[in-house]
């Protein structure tokens, strides 16, 4: 009986930790998407309608970094490295399923 109670206690503790970690990851992802959308709206959509073109699939994270670094010549000079990383994560995430996973 004591062993059962200890096991149940451990299961409850581990489940609580998992739920808390999942919740934190979800909040972090939501924040990244919100920040990415704002950066995309500010810097990208004045020239580009959308990056969600399924005809142009196969971009890796590394390729997105190259694209953003090339675009800095066209009005994106003010982007910090953190902003660039946020945009890469945003583009890669919204195009999930049509992008290559390497990089």
N, C-alpha and C. Protein backbone atom coordinates (compact mmCIF):
# COMPACT_ATOMS: atom_id res chain seq x y z
N UNK A 1 0.82 -1.19 0.00
CA UNK A 1 0.00 0.00 0.00
C UNK A 1 0.87 1.26 0.00
N UNK A 2 1.90 1.24 0.84
CA UNK A 2 2.79 2.40 0.91
C UNK A 2 3.49 2.63 -0.43
N UNK A 3 3.91 1.53 -1.05
CA UNK A 3 4.57 1.62 -2.36
C UNK A 3 3.62 2.21 -3.40
N UNK A 4 2.37 1.80 -3.36
CA UNK A 4 1.37 2.31 -4.28
C UNK A 4 1.18 3.82 -4.10
N UNK A 5 1.09 4.27 -2.87
CA UNK A 5 0.90 5.69 -2.59
C UNK A 5 2.10 6.51 -3.05
N UNK A 6 3.29 5.99 -2.84
CA UNK A 6 4.50 6.69 -3.28
C UNK A 6 4.52 6.76 -4.81
N UNK A 7 4.17 5.68 -5.46
CA UNK A 7 4.12 5.65 -6.92
C UNK A 7 3.09 6.65 -7.45
N UNK A 8 1.92 6.68 -6.85
CA UNK A 8 0.88 7.61 -7.28
C UNK A 8 1.31 9.06 -7.06
N UNK A 9 1.97 9.32 -5.95
CA UNK A 9 2.49 10.66 -5.68
C UNK A 9 3.48 11.07 -6.77
N UNK A 10 4.38 10.18 -7.13
CA UNK A 10 5.38 10.48 -8.16
C UNK A 10 4.71 10.73 -9.52
N UNK A 11 3.70 9.96 -9.83
CA UNK A 11 2.97 10.14 -11.09
C UNK A 11 2.32 11.52 -11.12
N UNK A 12 1.71 11.90 -10.02
CA UNK A 12 1.05 13.21 -9.95
C UNK A 12 2.07 14.34 -10.08
N UNK A 13 3.20 14.21 -9.40
CA UNK A 13 4.24 15.24 -9.49
C UNK A 13 4.76 15.35 -10.91
N UNK A 14 5.07 14.23 -11.54
CA UNK A 14 5.58 14.25 -12.92
C UNK A 14 4.55 14.81 -13.89
N UNK A 15 3.30 14.47 -13.70
CA UNK A 15 2.24 15.00 -14.56
C UNK A 15 2.13 16.51 -14.41
N UNK A 16 2.24 16.99 -13.19
CA UNK A 16 2.17 18.44 -12.94
C UNK A 16 3.32 19.16 -13.62
N UNK A 17 4.51 18.59 -13.54
CA UNK A 17 5.68 19.19 -14.18
C UNK A 17 5.50 19.22 -15.69
N UNK A 18 4.98 18.14 -16.26
CA UNK A 18 4.76 18.07 -17.71
C UNK A 18 3.75 19.11 -18.17
N UNK A 19 2.67 19.27 -17.43
CA UNK A 19 1.65 20.25 -17.79
C UNK A 19 2.23 21.66 -17.71
N UNK A 20 3.00 21.94 -16.69
CA UNK A 20 3.60 23.27 -16.55
C UNK A 20 4.58 23.55 -17.68
N UNK A 21 5.38 22.56 -18.06
CA UNK A 21 6.34 22.74 -19.16
C UNK A 21 5.60 22.94 -20.48
N UNK A 22 4.54 22.18 -20.72
CA UNK A 22 3.76 22.33 -21.95
C UNK A 22 3.13 23.70 -22.02
N UNK A 23 2.60 24.17 -20.90
CA UNK A 23 1.97 25.49 -20.84
C UNK A 23 2.99 26.59 -21.13
N UNK A 24 4.19 26.47 -20.56
CA UNK A 24 5.23 27.46 -20.80
C UNK A 24 5.67 27.46 -22.26
N UNK A 25 5.80 26.27 -22.85
CA UNK A 25 6.17 26.18 -24.27
C UNK A 25 5.09 26.81 -25.15
N UNK A 26 3.83 26.55 -24.83
CA UNK A 26 2.74 27.11 -25.62
C UNK A 26 2.72 28.63 -25.53
N UNK A 27 2.96 29.15 -24.34
CA UNK A 27 2.97 30.60 -24.18
C UNK A 27 4.15 31.22 -24.92
N UNK A 28 5.31 30.56 -24.86
CA UNK A 28 6.49 31.07 -25.57
C UNK A 28 6.26 31.05 -27.07
N UNK A 29 5.63 29.98 -27.57
CA UNK A 29 5.36 29.89 -29.01
C UNK A 29 4.35 30.96 -29.43
N UNK A 30 3.34 31.16 -28.63
CA UNK A 30 2.33 32.18 -28.94
C UNK A 30 2.97 33.57 -28.97
N UNK A 31 3.86 33.83 -28.01
CA UNK A 31 4.55 35.12 -27.98
C UNK A 31 5.44 35.30 -29.20
N UNK A 32 6.17 34.22 -29.58
CA UNK A 32 7.04 34.28 -30.76
C UNK A 32 6.20 34.56 -32.01
N UNK A 33 5.06 33.89 -32.15
CA UNK A 33 4.20 34.10 -33.31
C UNK A 33 3.67 35.54 -33.35
N UNK A 34 3.30 36.06 -32.19
CA UNK A 34 2.80 37.43 -32.12
C UNK A 34 3.89 38.43 -32.52
N UNK A 35 5.09 38.24 -31.97
CA UNK A 35 6.21 39.13 -32.30
C UNK A 35 6.62 38.97 -33.77
N UNK A 36 6.62 37.74 -34.26
CA UNK A 36 6.96 37.50 -35.66
C UNK A 36 5.97 38.14 -36.60
N UNK A 37 4.70 38.04 -36.26
CA UNK A 37 3.66 38.66 -37.09
C UNK A 37 3.85 40.18 -37.13
N UNK A 38 4.15 40.75 -35.98
CA UNK A 38 4.35 42.21 -35.91
C UNK A 38 5.56 42.64 -36.74
N UNK A 39 6.65 41.89 -36.65
CA UNK A 39 7.85 42.21 -37.44
C UNK A 39 7.57 42.03 -38.93
N UNK A 40 6.87 40.95 -39.27
CA UNK A 40 6.51 40.70 -40.67
C UNK A 40 5.64 41.84 -41.20
N UNK A 41 4.68 42.26 -40.41
CA UNK A 41 3.79 43.36 -40.83
C UNK A 41 4.57 44.66 -41.00
N UNK A 42 5.52 44.91 -40.12
CA UNK A 42 6.27 46.17 -40.16
C UNK A 42 7.30 46.20 -41.29
N UNK A 43 8.02 45.09 -41.47
CA UNK A 43 9.16 45.11 -42.39
C UNK A 43 8.94 44.40 -43.72
N UNK A 44 8.03 43.46 -43.79
CA UNK A 44 7.98 42.60 -44.98
C UNK A 44 6.78 42.85 -45.89
N UNK A 45 5.61 43.08 -45.31
CA UNK A 45 4.40 43.12 -46.13
C UNK A 45 4.25 44.38 -46.97
N UNK A 46 5.12 45.36 -46.77
CA UNK A 46 5.03 46.53 -47.65
C UNK A 46 5.49 46.16 -49.07
N UNK A 47 6.31 45.12 -49.19
CA UNK A 47 6.78 44.66 -50.50
C UNK A 47 6.26 43.27 -50.87
N UNK A 48 6.02 42.44 -49.88
CA UNK A 48 5.62 41.04 -50.12
C UNK A 48 4.22 40.83 -49.58
N UNK A 49 3.34 40.25 -50.41
CA UNK A 49 1.98 39.96 -49.96
C UNK A 49 1.98 38.89 -48.88
N UNK A 50 2.77 37.83 -49.10
CA UNK A 50 2.76 36.72 -48.16
C UNK A 50 4.02 35.89 -48.35
N UNK A 51 4.44 35.22 -47.28
CA UNK A 51 5.53 34.27 -47.40
C UNK A 51 4.97 32.85 -47.43
N UNK A 52 3.67 32.72 -47.36
CA UNK A 52 3.03 31.41 -47.27
C UNK A 52 2.74 30.81 -48.64
N UNK A 53 3.57 31.08 -49.62
CA UNK A 53 3.39 30.58 -50.98
C UNK A 53 3.78 29.10 -51.05
N UNK A 54 2.80 28.20 -51.19
CA UNK A 54 3.12 26.77 -51.23
C UNK A 54 3.93 26.37 -52.47
N UNK A 55 3.94 27.20 -53.48
CA UNK A 55 4.72 26.90 -54.68
C UNK A 55 6.21 27.04 -54.42
N UNK A 56 6.58 27.76 -53.38
CA UNK A 56 7.99 27.99 -53.07
C UNK A 56 8.34 27.31 -51.75
N UNK A 57 8.25 26.01 -51.75
CA UNK A 57 8.54 25.28 -50.52
C UNK A 57 10.00 24.89 -50.47
N UNK A 58 10.39 24.25 -49.39
CA UNK A 58 11.73 23.71 -49.28
C UNK A 58 12.75 24.61 -48.61
N UNK A 59 12.29 25.64 -47.91
CA UNK A 59 13.21 26.55 -47.23
C UNK A 59 13.57 25.96 -45.86
N UNK A 60 14.84 25.99 -45.54
CA UNK A 60 15.27 25.59 -44.21
C UNK A 60 15.41 26.85 -43.36
N UNK A 61 15.67 26.69 -42.09
CA UNK A 61 15.91 27.85 -41.23
C UNK A 61 17.13 28.63 -41.74
N UNK A 62 18.16 27.91 -42.17
CA UNK A 62 19.35 28.57 -42.69
C UNK A 62 19.02 29.40 -43.92
N UNK A 63 18.17 28.87 -44.79
CA UNK A 63 17.77 29.60 -45.99
C UNK A 63 17.00 30.87 -45.61
N UNK A 64 16.13 30.76 -44.61
CA UNK A 64 15.39 31.94 -44.15
C UNK A 64 16.33 33.00 -43.60
N UNK A 65 17.38 32.58 -42.87
CA UNK A 65 18.37 33.56 -42.39
C UNK A 65 19.04 34.26 -43.56
N UNK A 66 19.38 33.51 -44.60
CA UNK A 66 19.99 34.13 -45.79
C UNK A 66 19.04 35.13 -46.43
N UNK A 67 17.79 34.75 -46.59
CA UNK A 67 16.80 35.64 -47.20
C UNK A 67 16.67 36.93 -46.39
N UNK A 68 16.56 36.81 -45.09
CA UNK A 68 16.40 38.00 -44.24
C UNK A 68 17.66 38.86 -44.29
N UNK A 69 18.82 38.24 -44.31
CA UNK A 69 20.05 39.03 -44.40
C UNK A 69 20.19 39.73 -45.74
N UNK A 70 19.67 39.15 -46.80
CA UNK A 70 19.67 39.82 -48.10
C UNK A 70 18.67 40.97 -48.09
N UNK A 71 17.53 40.76 -47.46
CA UNK A 71 16.49 41.78 -47.43
C UNK A 71 16.88 42.99 -46.59
N UNK A 72 17.89 42.87 -45.74
CA UNK A 72 18.26 44.01 -44.91
C UNK A 72 18.68 45.21 -45.76
N UNK A 73 19.04 44.95 -47.01
CA UNK A 73 19.41 46.04 -47.92
C UNK A 73 18.18 46.81 -48.39
N UNK A 74 17.01 46.25 -48.15
CA UNK A 74 15.79 46.86 -48.65
C UNK A 74 14.88 47.33 -47.52
N UNK A 75 15.45 48.01 -46.56
CA UNK A 75 14.64 48.61 -45.50
C UNK A 75 14.63 47.86 -44.19
N UNK A 76 15.40 46.80 -44.07
CA UNK A 76 15.40 46.03 -42.84
C UNK A 76 16.69 46.22 -42.04
N UNK A 77 17.36 47.33 -42.25
CA UNK A 77 18.64 47.57 -41.57
C UNK A 77 18.47 47.63 -40.05
N UNK A 78 17.33 48.05 -39.59
CA UNK A 78 17.11 48.23 -38.17
C UNK A 78 16.84 46.96 -37.38
N UNK A 79 16.81 45.82 -38.06
CA UNK A 79 16.52 44.58 -37.35
C UNK A 79 17.71 44.11 -36.53
N UNK A 80 17.46 43.78 -35.27
CA UNK A 80 18.51 43.21 -34.43
C UNK A 80 18.64 41.72 -34.77
N UNK A 81 19.67 41.10 -34.26
CA UNK A 81 19.84 39.66 -34.48
C UNK A 81 18.68 38.89 -33.85
N UNK A 82 18.18 39.35 -32.71
CA UNK A 82 17.03 38.69 -32.08
C UNK A 82 15.78 38.83 -32.94
N UNK A 83 15.58 40.00 -33.55
CA UNK A 83 14.43 40.19 -34.44
C UNK A 83 14.54 39.28 -35.67
N UNK A 84 15.75 39.17 -36.22
CA UNK A 84 15.95 38.27 -37.36
C UNK A 84 15.62 36.83 -36.97
N UNK A 85 16.09 36.40 -35.80
CA UNK A 85 15.81 35.04 -35.34
C UNK A 85 14.31 34.83 -35.13
N UNK A 86 13.63 35.85 -34.62
CA UNK A 86 12.18 35.76 -34.43
C UNK A 86 11.47 35.62 -35.76
N UNK A 87 11.90 36.40 -36.77
CA UNK A 87 11.30 36.29 -38.10
C UNK A 87 11.55 34.91 -38.70
N UNK A 88 12.75 34.40 -38.56
CA UNK A 88 13.05 33.06 -39.08
C UNK A 88 12.14 32.03 -38.42
N UNK A 89 12.01 32.08 -37.11
CA UNK A 89 11.13 31.14 -36.40
C UNK A 89 9.69 31.30 -36.85
N UNK A 90 9.26 32.54 -37.03
CA UNK A 90 7.88 32.82 -37.46
C UNK A 90 7.63 32.24 -38.85
N UNK A 91 8.49 32.57 -39.81
CA UNK A 91 8.29 32.07 -41.17
C UNK A 91 8.33 30.55 -41.23
N UNK A 92 9.29 29.98 -40.52
CA UNK A 92 9.43 28.53 -40.53
C UNK A 92 8.21 27.86 -39.88
N UNK A 93 7.70 28.46 -38.81
CA UNK A 93 6.56 27.89 -38.11
C UNK A 93 5.27 27.99 -38.92
N UNK A 94 5.01 29.14 -39.53
CA UNK A 94 3.75 29.27 -40.27
C UNK A 94 3.75 28.45 -41.54
N UNK A 95 4.94 28.06 -42.03
CA UNK A 95 5.03 27.24 -43.23
C UNK A 95 5.31 25.78 -42.90
N UNK A 96 5.10 25.40 -41.65
CA UNK A 96 5.37 24.04 -41.18
C UNK A 96 4.66 23.03 -42.09
N UNK A 97 5.41 22.02 -42.47
CA UNK A 97 4.85 20.98 -43.33
C UNK A 97 5.25 21.12 -44.79
N UNK A 98 5.64 22.34 -45.20
CA UNK A 98 6.12 22.49 -46.57
C UNK A 98 7.59 22.86 -46.61
N UNK A 99 8.18 23.01 -45.42
CA UNK A 99 9.60 23.36 -45.34
C UNK A 99 10.43 22.13 -45.04
N UNK A 100 11.70 22.19 -45.41
CA UNK A 100 12.63 21.13 -45.04
C UNK A 100 12.97 21.28 -43.58
N UNK A 101 13.22 20.17 -42.91
CA UNK A 101 13.46 20.26 -41.47
C UNK A 101 14.91 20.50 -41.12
N UNK A 102 15.83 20.33 -42.04
CA UNK A 102 17.24 20.59 -41.72
C UNK A 102 17.47 22.07 -41.51
N UNK A 103 18.47 22.40 -40.72
CA UNK A 103 18.82 23.80 -40.50
C UNK A 103 18.08 24.32 -39.35
